[in-house]
Structure formats: structure tokens, C-alpha cells
PDB file of N, CA and C in Angstrom:
ATOM      1  N   UNK A   1    -166.428 -47.380 -95.776  1.00  0.00           N
ATOM      2  CA  UNK A   1    -165.751 -48.435 -95.037  1.00  0.00           C
ATOM      3  C   UNK A   1    -165.558 -49.656 -95.923  1.00  0.00           C
ATOM      4  N   UNK A   2    -164.447 -50.309 -95.722  1.00  0.00           N
ATOM      5  CA  UNK A   2    -164.168 -51.535 -96.459  1.00  0.00           C
ATOM      6  C   UNK A   2    -164.776 -52.725 -95.728  1.00  0.00           C
ATOM      7  N   UNK A   3    -165.193 -53.760 -96.473  1.00  0.00           N
ATOM      8  CA  UNK A   3    -165.747 -54.939 -95.804  1.00  0.00           C
ATOM      9  C   UNK A   3    -164.731 -55.604 -94.885  1.00  0.00           C
ATOM     10  N   UNK A   4    -163.463 -55.473 -95.197  1.00  0.00           N
ATOM     11  CA  UNK A   4    -162.447 -56.083 -94.331  1.00  0.00           C
ATOM     12  C   UNK A   4    -162.397 -55.381 -92.978  1.00  0.00           C
ATOM     13  N   UNK A   5    -162.802 -54.100 -92.917  1.00  0.00           N
ATOM     14  CA  UNK A   5    -162.847 -53.400 -91.634  1.00  0.00           C
ATOM     15  C   UNK A   5    -163.799 -54.109 -90.675  1.00  0.00           C
ATOM     16  N   UNK A   6    -164.974 -54.488 -91.180  1.00  0.00           N
ATOM     17  CA  UNK A   6    -165.968 -55.174 -90.349  1.00  0.00           C
ATOM     18  C   UNK A   6    -165.430 -56.522 -89.891  1.00  0.00           C
ATOM     19  N   UNK A   7    -164.763 -57.232 -90.780  1.00  0.00           N
ATOM     20  CA  UNK A   7    -164.203 -58.541 -90.429  1.00  0.00           C
ATOM     21  C   UNK A   7    -163.084 -58.399 -89.404  1.00  0.00           C
ATOM     22  N   UNK A   8    -162.242 -57.397 -89.575  1.00  0.00           N
ATOM     23  CA  UNK A   8    -161.146 -57.179 -88.627  1.00  0.00           C
ATOM     24  C   UNK A   8    -161.677 -56.808 -87.249  1.00  0.00           C
ATOM     25  N   UNK A   9    -162.714 -55.976 -87.210  1.00  0.00           N
ATOM     26  CA  UNK A   9    -163.319 -55.607 -85.939  1.00  0.00           C
ATOM     27  C   UNK A   9    -163.927 -56.833 -85.268  1.00  0.00           C
ATOM     28  N   UNK A  10    -164.587 -57.658 -86.047  1.00  0.00           N
ATOM     29  CA  UNK A  10    -165.199 -58.872 -85.527  1.00  0.00           C
ATOM     30  C   UNK A  10    -164.146 -59.768 -84.878  1.00  0.00           C
ATOM     31  N   UNK A  11    -163.031 -59.940 -85.555  1.00  0.00           N
ATOM     32  CA  UNK A  11    -161.981 -60.804 -85.035  1.00  0.00           C
ATOM     33  C   UNK A  11    -161.265 -60.177 -83.837  1.00  0.00           C
ATOM     34  N   UNK A  12    -161.193 -58.851 -83.798  1.00  0.00           N
ATOM     35  CA  UNK A  12    -160.530 -58.166 -82.690  1.00  0.00           C
ATOM     36  C   UNK A  12    -161.403 -58.106 -81.440  1.00  0.00           C
ATOM     37  N   UNK A  13    -162.699 -58.302 -81.605  1.00  0.00           N
ATOM     38  CA  UNK A  13    -163.592 -58.200 -80.450  1.00  0.00           C
ATOM     39  C   UNK A  13    -163.139 -59.114 -79.313  1.00  0.00           C
ATOM     40  N   UNK A  14    -162.871 -60.359 -79.622  1.00  0.00           N
ATOM     41  CA  UNK A  14    -162.458 -61.308 -78.586  1.00  0.00           C
ATOM     42  C   UNK A  14    -160.981 -61.135 -78.242  1.00  0.00           C
ATOM     43  N   UNK A  15    -160.143 -61.063 -79.267  1.00  0.00           N
ATOM     44  CA  UNK A  15    -158.700 -61.039 -79.056  1.00  0.00           C
ATOM     45  C   UNK A  15    -158.247 -59.781 -78.322  1.00  0.00           C
ATOM     46  N   UNK A  16    -158.741 -58.620 -78.731  1.00  0.00           N
ATOM     47  CA  UNK A  16    -158.268 -57.347 -78.171  1.00  0.00           C
ATOM     48  C   UNK A  16    -159.137 -56.871 -77.020  1.00  0.00           C
ATOM     49  N   UNK A  17    -160.445 -57.003 -77.190  1.00  0.00           N
ATOM     50  CA  UNK A  17    -161.376 -56.414 -76.224  1.00  0.00           C
ATOM     51  C   UNK A  17    -161.965 -57.424 -75.243  1.00  0.00           C
ATOM     52  N   UNK A  18    -161.744 -58.723 -75.485  1.00  0.00           N
ATOM     53  CA  UNK A  18    -162.242 -59.746 -74.586  1.00  0.00           C
ATOM     54  C   UNK A  18    -163.751 -59.943 -74.638  1.00  0.00           C
ATOM     55  N   UNK A  19    -164.375 -59.517 -75.737  1.00  0.00           N
ATOM     56  CA  UNK A  19    -165.822 -59.640 -75.896  1.00  0.00           C
ATOM     57  C   UNK A  19    -166.098 -60.561 -77.078  1.00  0.00           C
ATOM     58  N   UNK A  20    -166.927 -61.564 -76.847  1.00  0.00           N
ATOM     59  CA  UNK A  20    -167.267 -62.490 -77.934  1.00  0.00           C
ATOM     60  C   UNK A  20    -168.245 -61.805 -78.888  1.00  0.00           C
ATOM     61  N   UNK A  21    -168.017 -61.914 -80.187  1.00  0.00           N
ATOM     62  CA  UNK A  21    -168.961 -61.342 -81.143  1.00  0.00           C
ATOM     63  C   UNK A  21    -170.314 -62.047 -81.059  1.00  0.00           C
ATOM     64  N   UNK A  22    -171.382 -61.297 -81.244  1.00  0.00           N
ATOM     65  CA  UNK A  22    -172.714 -61.882 -81.207  1.00  0.00           C
ATOM     66  C   UNK A  22    -173.262 -62.027 -82.619  1.00  0.00           C
ATOM     67  N   UNK A  23    -174.488 -62.532 -82.711  1.00  0.00           N
ATOM     68  CA  UNK A  23    -175.068 -62.778 -84.034  1.00  0.00           C
ATOM     69  C   UNK A  23    -175.255 -61.479 -84.811  1.00  0.00           C
ATOM     70  N   UNK A  24    -175.516 -60.364 -84.138  1.00  0.00           N
ATOM     71  CA  UNK A  24    -175.669 -59.082 -84.839  1.00  0.00           C
ATOM     72  C   UNK A  24    -174.342 -58.643 -85.457  1.00  0.00           C
ATOM     73  N   UNK A  25    -173.247 -58.841 -84.734  1.00  0.00           N
ATOM     74  CA  UNK A  25    -171.919 -58.490 -85.251  1.00  0.00           C
ATOM     75  C   UNK A  25    -171.585 -59.305 -86.493  1.00  0.00           C
ATOM     76  N   UNK A  26    -171.873 -60.602 -86.424  1.00  0.00           N
ATOM     77  CA  UNK A  26    -171.627 -61.452 -87.585  1.00  0.00           C
ATOM     78  C   UNK A  26    -172.511 -61.038 -88.756  1.00  0.00           C
ATOM     79  N   UNK A  27    -173.761 -60.716 -88.484  1.00  0.00           N
ATOM     80  CA  UNK A  27    -174.673 -60.304 -89.553  1.00  0.00           C
ATOM     81  C   UNK A  27    -174.182 -59.074 -90.286  1.00  0.00           C
ATOM     82  N   UNK A  28    -173.685 -58.106 -89.537  1.00  0.00           N
ATOM     83  CA  UNK A  28    -173.162 -56.877 -90.151  1.00  0.00           C
ATOM     84  C   UNK A  28    -171.936 -57.175 -91.002  1.00  0.00           C
ATOM     85  N   UNK A  29    -171.036 -57.983 -90.480  1.00  0.00           N
ATOM     86  CA  UNK A  29    -169.816 -58.316 -91.225  1.00  0.00           C
ATOM     87  C   UNK A  29    -170.152 -59.119 -92.488  1.00  0.00           C
ATOM     88  N   UNK A  30    -171.074 -60.070 -92.376  1.00  0.00           N
ATOM     89  CA  UNK A  30    -171.477 -60.866 -93.541  1.00  0.00           C
ATOM     90  C   UNK A  30    -172.151 -59.994 -94.597  1.00  0.00           C
ATOM     91  N   UNK A  31    -173.013 -59.074 -94.158  1.00  0.00           N
ATOM     92  CA  UNK A  31    -173.682 -58.169 -95.094  1.00  0.00           C
ATOM     93  C   UNK A  31    -172.668 -57.286 -95.804  1.00  0.00           C
ATOM     94  N   UNK A  32    -171.673 -56.832 -95.077  1.00  0.00           N
ATOM     95  CA  UNK A  32    -170.629 -55.990 -95.664  1.00  0.00           C
ATOM     96  C   UNK A  32    -169.871 -56.748 -96.751  1.00  0.00           C
ATOM     97  N   UNK A  33    -169.522 -58.003 -96.467  1.00  0.00           N
ATOM     98  CA  UNK A  33    -168.808 -58.819 -97.457  1.00  0.00           C
ATOM     99  C   UNK A  33    -169.692 -59.074 -98.673  1.00  0.00           C
ATOM    100  N   UNK A  34    -170.983 -59.378 -98.439  1.00  0.00           N
ATOM    101  CA  UNK A  34    -171.901 -59.639 -99.554  1.00  0.00           C
ATOM    102  C   UNK A  34    -172.067 -58.393-100.417  1.00  0.00           C
ATOM    103  N   UNK A  35    -172.297 -57.251 -99.776  1.00  0.00           N
ATOM    104  CA  UNK A  35    -172.507 -56.013-100.522  1.00  0.00           C
ATOM    105  C   UNK A  35    -171.273 -55.605-101.322  1.00  0.00           C
ATOM    106  N   UNK A  36    -170.100 -55.986-100.838  1.00  0.00           N
ATOM    107  CA  UNK A  36    -168.865 -55.695-101.561  1.00  0.00           C
ATOM    108  C   UNK A  36    -168.562 -56.748-102.626  1.00  0.00           C
ATOM    109  N   UNK A  37    -169.348 -57.849-102.629  1.00  0.00           N
ATOM    110  CA  UNK A  37    -169.103 -58.914-103.600  1.00  0.00           C
ATOM    111  C   UNK A  37    -167.846 -59.713-103.313  1.00  0.00           C
ATOM    112  N   UNK A  38    -167.443 -59.761-102.050  1.00  0.00           N
ATOM    113  CA  UNK A  38    -166.196 -60.430-101.655  1.00  0.00           C
ATOM    114  C   UNK A  38    -166.512 -61.841-101.145  1.00  0.00           C
ATOM    115  N   UNK A  39    -166.549 -62.802-102.064  1.00  0.00           N
ATOM    116  CA  UNK A  39    -166.888 -64.183-101.717  1.00  0.00           C
ATOM    117  C   UNK A  39    -165.873 -64.796-100.761  1.00  0.00           C
ATOM    118  N   UNK A  40    -164.604 -64.516-100.966  1.00  0.00           N
ATOM    119  CA  UNK A  40    -163.557 -65.066-100.098  1.00  0.00           C
ATOM    120  C   UNK A  40    -163.777 -64.633 -98.653  1.00  0.00           C
ATOM    121  N   UNK A  41    -164.057 -63.350 -98.447  1.00  0.00           N
ATOM    122  CA  UNK A  41    -164.283 -62.834 -97.107  1.00  0.00           C
ATOM    123  C   UNK A  41    -165.563 -63.408 -96.509  1.00  0.00           C
ATOM    124  N   UNK A  42    -166.620 -63.504 -97.313  1.00  0.00           N
ATOM    125  CA  UNK A  42    -167.880 -64.068 -96.831  1.00  0.00           C
ATOM    126  C   UNK A  42    -167.658 -65.486 -96.313  1.00  0.00           C
ATOM    127  N   UNK A  43    -166.951 -66.314 -97.079  1.00  0.00           N
ATOM    128  CA  UNK A  43    -166.713 -67.699 -96.664  1.00  0.00           C
ATOM    129  C   UNK A  43    -165.791 -67.776 -95.453  1.00  0.00           C
ATOM    130  N   UNK A  44    -164.842 -66.858 -95.358  1.00  0.00           N
ATOM    131  CA  UNK A  44    -163.970 -66.802 -94.186  1.00  0.00           C
ATOM    132  C   UNK A  44    -164.791 -66.466 -92.931  1.00  0.00           C
ATOM    133  N   UNK A  45    -165.698 -65.509 -93.073  1.00  0.00           N
ATOM    134  CA  UNK A  45    -166.573 -65.155 -91.956  1.00  0.00           C
ATOM    135  C   UNK A  45    -167.504 -66.309 -91.595  1.00  0.00           C
ATOM    136  N   UNK A  46    -167.979 -67.025 -92.596  1.00  0.00           N
ATOM    137  CA  UNK A  46    -168.832 -68.184 -92.352  1.00  0.00           C
ATOM    138  C   UNK A  46    -168.080 -69.248 -91.557  1.00  0.00           C
ATOM    139  N   UNK A  47    -166.830 -69.494 -91.904  1.00  0.00           N
ATOM    140  CA  UNK A  47    -166.010 -70.461 -91.148  1.00  0.00           C
ATOM    141  C   UNK A  47    -165.831 -69.997 -89.702  1.00  0.00           C
ATOM    142  N   UNK A  48    -165.577 -68.701 -89.520  1.00  0.00           N
ATOM    143  CA  UNK A  48    -165.417 -68.151 -88.175  1.00  0.00           C
ATOM    144  C   UNK A  48    -166.710 -68.283 -87.382  1.00  0.00           C
ATOM    145  N   UNK A  49    -167.824 -68.005 -88.033  1.00  0.00           N
ATOM    146  CA  UNK A  49    -169.134 -68.127 -87.399  1.00  0.00           C
ATOM    147  C   UNK A  49    -169.388 -69.570 -86.966  1.00  0.00           C
ATOM    148  N   UNK A  50    -169.090 -70.511 -87.835  1.00  0.00           N
ATOM    149  CA  UNK A  50    -169.288 -71.929 -87.506  1.00  0.00           C
ATOM    150  C   UNK A  50    -168.417 -72.340 -86.325  1.00  0.00           C
ATOM    151  N   UNK A  51    -167.180 -71.880 -86.295  1.00  0.00           N
ATOM    152  CA  UNK A  51    -166.284 -72.194 -85.179  1.00  0.00           C
ATOM    153  C   UNK A  51    -166.816 -71.587 -83.886  1.00  0.00           C
ATOM    154  N   UNK A  52    -167.320 -70.368 -83.970  1.00  0.00           N
ATOM    155  CA  UNK A  52    -167.855 -69.685 -82.791  1.00  0.00           C
ATOM    156  C   UNK A  52    -169.108 -70.387 -82.276  1.00  0.00           C
ATOM    157  N   UNK A  53    -169.980 -70.777 -83.170  1.00  0.00           N
ATOM    158  CA  UNK A  53    -171.242 -71.411 -82.780  1.00  0.00           C
ATOM    159  C   UNK A  53    -171.034 -72.853 -82.329  1.00  0.00           C
ATOM    160  N   UNK A  54    -170.095 -73.541 -82.979  1.00  0.00           N
ATOM    161  CA  UNK A  54    -169.892 -74.955 -82.679  1.00  0.00           C
ATOM    162  C   UNK A  54    -168.850 -75.223 -81.624  1.00  0.00           C
ATOM    163  N   UNK A  55    -168.086 -74.224 -81.306  1.00  0.00           N
ATOM    164  CA  UNK A  55    -167.024 -74.406 -80.325  1.00  0.00           C
ATOM    165  C   UNK A  55    -165.756 -74.908 -80.973  1.00  0.00           C
ATOM    166  N   UNK A  56    -164.686 -74.653 -80.326  1.00  0.00           N
ATOM    167  CA  UNK A  56    -163.397 -75.124 -80.799  1.00  0.00           C
ATOM    168  C   UNK A  56    -163.009 -76.348 -79.987  1.00  0.00           C
ATOM    169  N   UNK A  57    -161.947 -76.998 -80.393  1.00  0.00           N
ATOM    170  CA  UNK A  57    -161.497 -78.182 -79.676  1.00  0.00           C
ATOM    171  C   UNK A  57    -161.339 -77.861 -78.190  1.00  0.00           C
ATOM    172  N   UNK A  58    -161.985 -78.657 -77.365  1.00  0.00           N
ATOM    173  CA  UNK A  58    -161.865 -78.455 -75.928  1.00  0.00           C
ATOM    174  C   UNK A  58    -162.822 -77.413 -75.363  1.00  0.00           C
ATOM    175  N   UNK A  59    -163.562 -76.729 -76.219  1.00  0.00           N
ATOM    176  CA  UNK A  59    -164.504 -75.718 -75.746  1.00  0.00           C
ATOM    177  C   UNK A  59    -165.906 -76.146 -76.144  1.00  0.00           C
ATOM    178  N   UNK A  60    -166.858 -75.791 -75.342  1.00  0.00           N
ATOM    179  CA  UNK A  60    -168.247 -76.027 -75.728  1.00  0.00           C
ATOM    180  C   UNK A  60    -168.677 -74.928 -76.678  1.00  0.00           C
ATOM    181  N   UNK A  61    -169.580 -75.234 -77.553  1.00  0.00           N
ATOM    182  CA  UNK A  61    -170.110 -74.219 -78.458  1.00  0.00           C
ATOM    183  C   UNK A  61    -171.026 -73.269 -77.699  1.00  0.00           C
ATOM    184  N   UNK A  62    -171.399 -72.207 -78.339  1.00  0.00           N
ATOM    185  CA  UNK A  62    -172.315 -71.247 -77.733  1.00  0.00           C
ATOM    186  C   UNK A  62    -173.725 -71.659 -78.090  1.00  0.00           C
ATOM    187  N   UNK A  63    -174.315 -72.441 -77.231  1.00  0.00           N
ATOM    188  CA  UNK A  63    -175.651 -72.990 -77.463  1.00  0.00           C
ATOM    189  C   UNK A  63    -176.640 -71.869 -77.747  1.00  0.00           C
ATOM    190  N   UNK A  64    -177.444 -72.062 -78.782  1.00  0.00           N
ATOM    191  CA  UNK A  64    -178.441 -71.066 -79.120  1.00  0.00           C
ATOM    192  C   UNK A  64    -177.901 -69.891 -79.910  1.00  0.00           C
ATOM    193  N   UNK A  65    -176.641 -69.950 -80.301  1.00  0.00           N
ATOM    194  CA  UNK A  65    -176.013 -68.819 -80.987  1.00  0.00           C
ATOM    195  C   UNK A  65    -176.644 -68.565 -82.345  1.00  0.00           C
ATOM    196  N   UNK A  66    -177.076 -69.606 -83.031  1.00  0.00           N
ATOM    197  CA  UNK A  66    -177.617 -69.442 -84.382  1.00  0.00           C
ATOM    198  C   UNK A  66    -179.140 -69.416 -84.411  1.00  0.00           C
ATOM    199  N   UNK A  67    -179.751 -68.838 -83.407  1.00  0.00           N
ATOM    200  CA  UNK A  67    -181.209 -68.773 -83.389  1.00  0.00           C
ATOM    201  C   UNK A  67    -181.746 -67.470 -83.973  1.00  0.00           C
ATOM    202  N   UNK A  68    -180.888 -66.616 -84.434  1.00  0.00           N
ATOM    203  CA  UNK A  68    -181.328 -65.345 -85.007  1.00  0.00           C
ATOM    204  C   UNK A  68    -181.804 -65.544 -86.443  1.00  0.00           C
ATOM    205  N   UNK A  69    -183.071 -65.231 -86.705  1.00  0.00           N
ATOM    206  CA  UNK A  69    -183.550 -65.362 -88.081  1.00  0.00           C
ATOM    207  C   UNK A  69    -182.911 -64.298 -88.974  1.00  0.00           C
ATOM    208  N   UNK A  70    -182.509 -63.185 -88.410  1.00  0.00           N
ATOM    209  CA  UNK A  70    -181.833 -62.154 -89.211  1.00  0.00           C
ATOM    210  C   UNK A  70    -180.454 -62.622 -89.657  1.00  0.00           C
ATOM    211  N   UNK A  71    -179.749 -63.306 -88.790  1.00  0.00           N
ATOM    212  CA  UNK A  71    -178.449 -63.862 -89.184  1.00  0.00           C
ATOM    213  C   UNK A  71    -178.657 -64.936 -90.247  1.00  0.00           C
ATOM    214  N   UNK A  72    -179.644 -65.790 -90.054  1.00  0.00           N
ATOM    215  CA  UNK A  72    -179.958 -66.795 -91.069  1.00  0.00           C
ATOM    216  C   UNK A  72    -180.290 -66.120 -92.396  1.00  0.00           C
ATOM    217  N   UNK A  73    -181.065 -65.053 -92.347  1.00  0.00           N
ATOM    218  CA  UNK A  73    -181.434 -64.338 -93.577  1.00  0.00           C
ATOM    219  C   UNK A  73    -180.200 -63.836 -94.303  1.00  0.00           C
ATOM    220  N   UNK A  74    -179.252 -63.299 -93.560  1.00  0.00           N
ATOM    221  CA  UNK A  74    -178.023 -62.794 -94.189  1.00  0.00           C
ATOM    222  C   UNK A  74    -177.203 -63.935 -94.768  1.00  0.00           C
ATOM    223  N   UNK A  75    -177.151 -65.049 -94.059  1.00  0.00           N
ATOM    224  CA  UNK A  75    -176.430 -66.212 -94.579  1.00  0.00           C
ATOM    225  C   UNK A  75    -177.097 -66.735 -95.851  1.00  0.00           C
ATOM    226  N   UNK A  76    -178.419 -66.814 -95.850  1.00  0.00           N
ATOM    227  CA  UNK A  76    -179.160 -67.290 -97.022  1.00  0.00           C
ATOM    228  C   UNK A  76    -178.944 -66.346 -98.205  1.00  0.00           C
ATOM    229  N   UNK A  77    -179.037 -65.040 -97.949  1.00  0.00           N
ATOM    230  CA  UNK A  77    -178.829 -64.052 -99.014  1.00  0.00           C
ATOM    231  C   UNK A  77    -177.414 -64.147 -99.571  1.00  0.00           C
ATOM    232  N   UNK A  78    -176.443 -64.272 -98.703  1.00  0.00           N
ATOM    233  CA  UNK A  78    -175.050 -64.346 -99.142  1.00  0.00           C
ATOM    234  C   UNK A  78    -174.756 -65.606 -99.934  1.00  0.00           C
ATOM    235  N   UNK A  79    -175.250 -66.739 -99.443  1.00  0.00           N
ATOM    236  CA  UNK A  79    -175.019 -67.992-100.167  1.00  0.00           C
ATOM    237  C   UNK A  79    -175.665 -67.940-101.544  1.00  0.00           C
ATOM    238  N   UNK A  80    -176.865 -67.387-101.631  1.00  0.00           N
ATOM    239  CA  UNK A  80    -177.515 -67.235-102.929  1.00  0.00           C
ATOM    240  C   UNK A  80    -176.749 -66.285-103.829  1.00  0.00           C
ATOM    241  N   UNK A  81    -176.315 -65.178-103.274  1.00  0.00           N
ATOM    242  CA  UNK A  81    -175.585 -64.163-104.034  1.00  0.00           C
ATOM    243  C   UNK A  81    -174.287 -64.724-104.616  1.00  0.00           C
ATOM    244  N   UNK A  82    -173.612 -65.553-103.827  1.00  0.00           N
ATOM    245  CA  UNK A  82    -172.324 -66.098-104.259  1.00  0.00           C
ATOM    246  C   UNK A  82    -172.450 -67.448-104.961  1.00  0.00           C
ATOM    247  N   UNK A  83    -173.627 -67.738-105.490  1.00  0.00           N
ATOM    248  CA  UNK A  83    -173.787 -68.905-106.355  1.00  0.00           C
ATOM    249  C   UNK A  83    -173.924 -70.230-105.642  1.00  0.00           C
ATOM    250  N   UNK A  84    -174.456 -70.208-104.433  1.00  0.00           N
ATOM    251  CA  UNK A  84    -174.663 -71.439-103.670  1.00  0.00           C
ATOM    252  C   UNK A  84    -176.149 -71.608-103.333  1.00  0.00           C
ATOM    253  N   UNK A  85    -177.031 -71.663-104.354  1.00  0.00           N
ATOM    254  CA  UNK A  85    -178.466 -71.703-104.064  1.00  0.00           C
ATOM    255  C   UNK A  85    -178.911 -72.944-103.294  1.00  0.00           C
ATOM    256  N   UNK A  86    -178.271 -74.073-103.522  1.00  0.00           N
ATOM    257  CA  UNK A  86    -178.664 -75.287-102.788  1.00  0.00           C
ATOM    258  C   UNK A  86    -178.338 -75.158-101.306  1.00  0.00           C
ATOM    259  N   UNK A  87    -177.172 -74.611-101.016  1.00  0.00           N
ATOM    260  CA  UNK A  87    -176.813 -74.399 -99.606  1.00  0.00           C
ATOM    261  C   UNK A  87    -177.762 -73.387 -98.973  1.00  0.00           C
ATOM    262  N   UNK A  88    -178.148 -72.353 -99.721  1.00  0.00           N
ATOM    263  CA  UNK A  88    -179.085 -71.348 -99.208  1.00  0.00           C
ATOM    264  C   UNK A  88    -180.439 -71.987 -98.904  1.00  0.00           C
ATOM    265  N   UNK A  89    -180.929 -72.827 -99.812  1.00  0.00           N
ATOM    266  CA  UNK A  89    -182.212 -73.501 -99.586  1.00  0.00           C
ATOM    267  C   UNK A  89    -182.152 -74.477 -98.420  1.00  0.00           C
ATOM    268  N   UNK A  90    -181.024 -75.162 -98.286  1.00  0.00           N
ATOM    269  CA  UNK A  90    -180.849 -76.089 -97.159  1.00  0.00           C
ATOM    270  C   UNK A  90    -180.893 -75.322 -95.833  1.00  0.00           C
ATOM    271  N   UNK A  91    -180.247 -74.172 -95.806  1.00  0.00           N
ATOM    272  CA  UNK A  91    -180.241 -73.355 -94.596  1.00  0.00           C
ATOM    273  C   UNK A  91    -181.645 -72.823 -94.297  1.00  0.00           C
ATOM    274  N   UNK A  92    -182.372 -72.400 -95.332  1.00  0.00           N
ATOM    275  CA  UNK A  92    -183.748 -71.943 -95.144  1.00  0.00           C
ATOM    276  C   UNK A  92    -184.609 -73.071 -94.590  1.00  0.00           C
ATOM    277  N   UNK A  93    -184.453 -74.264 -95.128  1.00  0.00           N
ATOM    278  CA  UNK A  93    -185.211 -75.420 -94.650  1.00  0.00           C
ATOM    279  C   UNK A  93    -184.896 -75.698 -93.180  1.00  0.00           C
ATOM    280  N   UNK A  94    -183.620 -75.619 -92.815  1.00  0.00           N
ATOM    281  CA  UNK A  94    -183.228 -75.843 -91.424  1.00  0.00           C
ATOM    282  C   UNK A  94    -183.842 -74.787 -90.513  1.00  0.00           C
ATOM    283  N   UNK A  95    -183.860 -73.541 -90.968  1.00  0.00           N
ATOM    284  CA  UNK A  95    -184.445 -72.460 -90.175  1.00  0.00           C
ATOM    285  C   UNK A  95    -185.934 -72.704 -89.967  1.00  0.00           C
ATOM    286  N   UNK A  96    -186.631 -73.083 -91.023  1.00  0.00           N
ATOM    287  CA  UNK A  96    -188.066 -73.336 -90.910  1.00  0.00           C
ATOM    288  C   UNK A  96    -188.368 -74.529 -90.011  1.00  0.00           C
ATOM    289  N   UNK A  97    -187.481 -75.521 -90.001  1.00  0.00           N
ATOM    290  CA  UNK A  97    -187.661 -76.710 -89.162  1.00  0.00           C
ATOM    291  C   UNK A  97    -187.483 -76.422 -87.674  1.00  0.00           C
ATOM    292  N   UNK A  98    -186.880 -75.292 -87.327  1.00  0.00           N
ATOM    293  CA  UNK A  98    -186.643 -74.984 -85.913  1.00  0.00           C
ATOM    294  C   UNK A  98    -187.905 -74.522 -85.206  1.00  0.00           C
ATOM    295  N   UNK A  99    -188.924 -74.119 -85.958  1.00  0.00           N
ATOM    296  CA  UNK A  99    -190.160 -73.575 -85.385  1.00  0.00           C
ATOM    297  C   UNK A  99    -189.918 -72.304 -84.580  1.00  0.00           C
ATOM    298  N   UNK A 100    -188.812 -71.612 -84.878  1.00  0.00           N
ATOM    299  CA  UNK A 100    -188.563 -70.318 -84.227  1.00  0.00           C
ATOM    300  C   UNK A 100    -189.537 -69.288 -84.793  1.00  0.00           C
ATOM    301  N   UNK A 101    -189.933 -68.340 -83.974  1.00  0.00           N
ATOM    302  CA  UNK A 101    -190.754 -67.251 -84.532  1.00  0.00           C
ATOM    303  C   UNK A 101    -189.886 -66.410 -85.459  1.00  0.00           C
ATOM    304  N   UNK A 102    -190.360 -66.152 -86.648  1.00  0.00           N
ATOM    305  CA  UNK A 102    -189.586 -65.386 -87.618  1.00  0.00           C
ATOM    306  C   UNK A 102    -190.076 -63.951 -87.617  1.00  0.00           C
ATOM    307  N   UNK A 103    -189.132 -63.023 -87.594  1.00  0.00           N
ATOM    308  CA  UNK A 103    -189.535 -61.608 -87.570  1.00  0.00           C
ATOM    309  C   UNK A 103    -189.778 -61.100 -88.972  1.00  0.00           C
TER     310      UNK A 103
END
């Protein structure tokens, strides 16, 4: 499977099927982009994730959407992999500051 397949499915979930993607769906798509070494796709998925979690103009965000430590782990791994170690460390620090139980 191509990493773009995962991204296309993620984007079609809401548009075609009327189902909002969850943190597990984003994690799989992000991992696929990272494993393929596709930085452009990873950052595109990150923008989509931020829009989904933060809400779009006129919409409320999905509160609690980014509480998955597994999704955070994938984001941290991807940012590190694509040469963004400071952003990865900042995200790790934010995750640790939440006092969420980590699996």
C-alpha cells in the first residue's frame, strides 16, 4: 500500500462516509507517511490533524482529541525523523505536562 492511500482514506472518511477520523486513523496515516519517508505528506496530515483537533472557522474543536499518547508518539517520531527534533521535544514536553497516563 502507498502512504497516500492511508491519507486519501482518512480524508474520505468524513467527506464520503460521514465519519470523523479518530486518533487511531491519524496515527496509522502518519506512520505510513513516516515509514515511506514522505515529509510533504506527513506535514499535510499534521495540518489536517490540527484542523480536526482545533476546529475550523465556526466549528468547535474536538475536545480531548489529542489525548492519545500513541498519537503523540507517532507525531514525535515523525517530527524527529523529518529533522524537527526541537518540535518533537516540545511535543514530548507538552505530553508529559498533561499528566495523562502513558501506555
